[in-house]
Structure formats: C-alpha cells, structure tokens
Amino acid sequence: MSEVVTLLRDARKRQGISQSVLAESVGLSLRQISRWETGDDGGKLKGEELLRVIAYLKVPFQEVIDKLDKQAAERLRAEAALTAEEEAMLSRLNPKQRAALLELARQMLQDG
C-alpha cells in the first residue's frame, strides 16, 4: 500500500468517517474507495479524484506531495493548479456560493 493511501486512510479513520461517507462526499463509489485503500487491482484514483479526497479529509496538500515520487508530485500539482483568473473568481464568492459551486461540480463529475 502506498504511503499516500496510508496517510489518507488513517486520516479518514481518525476523523471517524466511513468509506461510504467519504465515497458519497467526493463523488466516488464505495467500491472505488475500498479498492483504492486496499490496493486491489484497478484501485487507483485519478488526480482530480485524489484531490477531492485530500480536500474532504483536510489533509495538508504538501503532506501528500511529500509522499509521492517526483513525477507523481508534479502531475498532482499541475492538476491542482488554478489559473490566476480562476483564483480571482473563486475569491469573490461568498461561502454559500462556493458550497453551491462545489455541489454543482460534484454532480457534473458524477454524471460524467
């Protein structure tokens, strides 16, 4: 099992969050979370999926980056990067608007 998986699984357990709650909260299936945590074949998360798990569990991004090899860390950083324009738009949203935007994004990702 990778160090990143161990870090995030342990954070989930410490917070008392079940695999099913995590899966539902980040728009993944329970099977995806379970396979990813156990290292089963096909249990890999894409960058955007991993970022949602990191954010939901509130694990410091740098802590995750430190556990990755150089190439994987660079890919995840690139996936997480926002343009200056995107950051400016997000900074103008109030908390209610941000929550609505995140919910819309989750629905869009679930719908494919």
Protein backbone atom coordinates (compact mmCIF):
# COMPACT_ATOMS: atom_id res chain seq x y z
CA MET A 1 0.00 0.00 0.00
CA SER A 2 1.38 3.40 -0.89
CA GLU A 3 2.31 5.98 1.71
CA VAL A 4 -0.33 8.36 0.30
CA VAL A 5 -3.07 5.75 0.66
CA THR A 6 -1.95 5.01 4.22
CA LEU A 7 -1.86 8.73 5.08
CA LEU A 8 -5.36 9.37 3.73
CA ARG A 9 -6.88 6.14 5.06
CA ASP A 10 -5.52 6.90 8.52
CA ALA A 11 -6.88 10.47 8.33
CA ARG A 12 -10.31 9.11 7.36
CA LYS A 13 -10.31 6.67 10.26
CA ARG A 14 -9.06 9.26 12.77
CA GLN A 15 -11.94 11.52 11.78
CA GLY A 16 -14.46 8.68 12.16
CA ILE A 17 -15.51 8.84 8.51
CA SER A 18 -16.65 5.62 6.90
CA GLN A 19 -15.60 4.60 3.40
CA SER A 20 -19.20 5.01 2.24
CA VAL A 21 -19.49 8.57 3.62
CA LEU A 22 -16.17 9.50 2.02
CA ALA A 23 -17.21 7.98 -1.30
CA GLU A 24 -20.54 9.79 -1.36
CA SER A 25 -18.98 13.07 -0.26
CA VAL A 26 -16.35 13.11 -3.01
CA GLY A 27 -18.48 11.64 -5.79
CA LEU A 28 -16.91 8.19 -5.96
CA SER A 29 -18.30 4.72 -5.42
CA LEU A 30 -17.74 2.74 -2.24
CA ARG A 31 -16.05 0.10 -4.39
CA GLN A 32 -13.55 2.66 -5.74
CA ILE A 33 -12.63 3.82 -2.23
CA SER A 34 -12.39 0.28 -0.89
CA ARG A 35 -10.23 -0.97 -3.77
CA TRP A 36 -8.01 2.10 -3.56
CA GLU A 37 -7.48 1.73 0.20
CA THR A 38 -6.73 -1.99 -0.02
CA GLY A 39 -4.54 -1.69 -3.11
CA ASP A 40 -6.72 -4.07 -5.11
CA ASP A 41 -6.11 -4.22 -8.83
CA GLY A 42 -7.79 -1.29 -10.52
CA GLY A 43 -7.98 0.63 -7.25
CA LYS A 44 -6.24 3.77 -8.43
CA LEU A 45 -7.70 7.26 -8.21
CA LYS A 46 -7.24 9.87 -10.92
CA GLY A 47 -5.63 13.16 -9.93
CA GLU A 48 -8.94 15.02 -9.65
CA GLU A 49 -10.41 12.22 -7.53
CA LEU A 50 -7.39 12.19 -5.23
CA LEU A 51 -7.61 15.96 -4.86
CA ARG A 52 -11.25 15.69 -3.77
CA VAL A 53 -10.31 13.08 -1.14
CA ILE A 54 -7.43 15.26 0.12
CA ALA A 55 -9.68 18.30 0.35
CA TYR A 56 -12.55 16.46 2.03
CA LEU A 57 -10.27 14.95 4.65
CA LYS A 58 -8.48 18.31 5.09
CA VAL A 59 -5.05 16.70 4.80
CA PRO A 60 -2.38 19.30 4.04
CA PHE A 61 -1.55 19.14 0.34
CA GLN A 62 2.20 19.33 0.99
CA GLU A 63 1.99 16.31 3.27
CA VAL A 64 0.61 14.29 0.35
CA ILE A 65 3.12 15.72 -2.12
CA ASP A 66 5.97 14.72 0.20
CA LYS A 67 4.86 11.08 -0.01
CA LEU A 68 4.87 10.96 -3.83
CA ASP A 69 7.70 10.38 -6.26
CA LYS A 70 8.82 13.43 -8.22
CA GLN A 71 6.78 12.72 -11.38
CA ALA A 72 3.57 11.92 -9.49
CA ALA A 73 4.02 15.03 -7.34
CA GLU A 74 4.44 17.22 -10.43
CA ARG A 75 1.32 15.72 -12.06
CA LEU A 76 -0.75 16.27 -8.91
CA ARG A 77 0.49 19.84 -8.54
CA ALA A 78 -0.45 20.56 -12.16
CA GLU A 79 -3.89 19.02 -11.63
CA ALA A 80 -4.43 21.19 -8.55
CA ALA A 81 -3.25 24.43 -10.11
CA LEU A 82 -5.76 27.16 -10.77
CA THR A 83 -5.17 29.98 -13.15
CA ALA A 84 -4.96 33.48 -11.72
CA GLU A 85 -8.33 34.22 -13.30
CA GLU A 86 -9.93 31.17 -11.66
CA GLU A 87 -8.49 32.09 -8.27
CA ALA A 88 -9.78 35.66 -8.63
CA MET A 89 -13.28 34.43 -9.50
CA LEU A 90 -13.35 32.00 -6.57
CA SER A 91 -12.14 34.64 -4.13
CA ARG A 92 -15.18 36.79 -4.95
CA LEU A 93 -17.67 34.05 -3.97
CA ASN A 94 -19.27 34.02 -0.54
CA PRO A 95 -19.30 30.71 1.40
CA LYS A 96 -22.84 29.85 0.28
CA GLN A 97 -21.92 30.43 -3.37
CA ARG A 98 -18.75 28.32 -3.01
CA ALA A 99 -20.75 25.46 -1.50
CA ALA A 100 -23.26 25.64 -4.35
CA LEU A 101 -20.45 25.66 -6.91
CA LEU A 102 -18.80 22.64 -5.31
CA GLU A 103 -22.09 20.76 -5.24
CA LEU A 104 -22.64 21.53 -8.92
CA ALA A 105 -19.13 20.32 -9.72
CA ARG A 106 -19.73 17.09 -7.81
CA GLN A 107 -22.95 16.46 -9.71
CA MET A 108 -21.24 17.15 -13.02
CA LEU A 109 -18.43 14.72 -12.20
CA GLN A 110 -20.89 12.02 -11.18
CA ASP A 111 -22.87 12.47 -14.38
CA GLY A 112 -19.71 12.14 -16.43
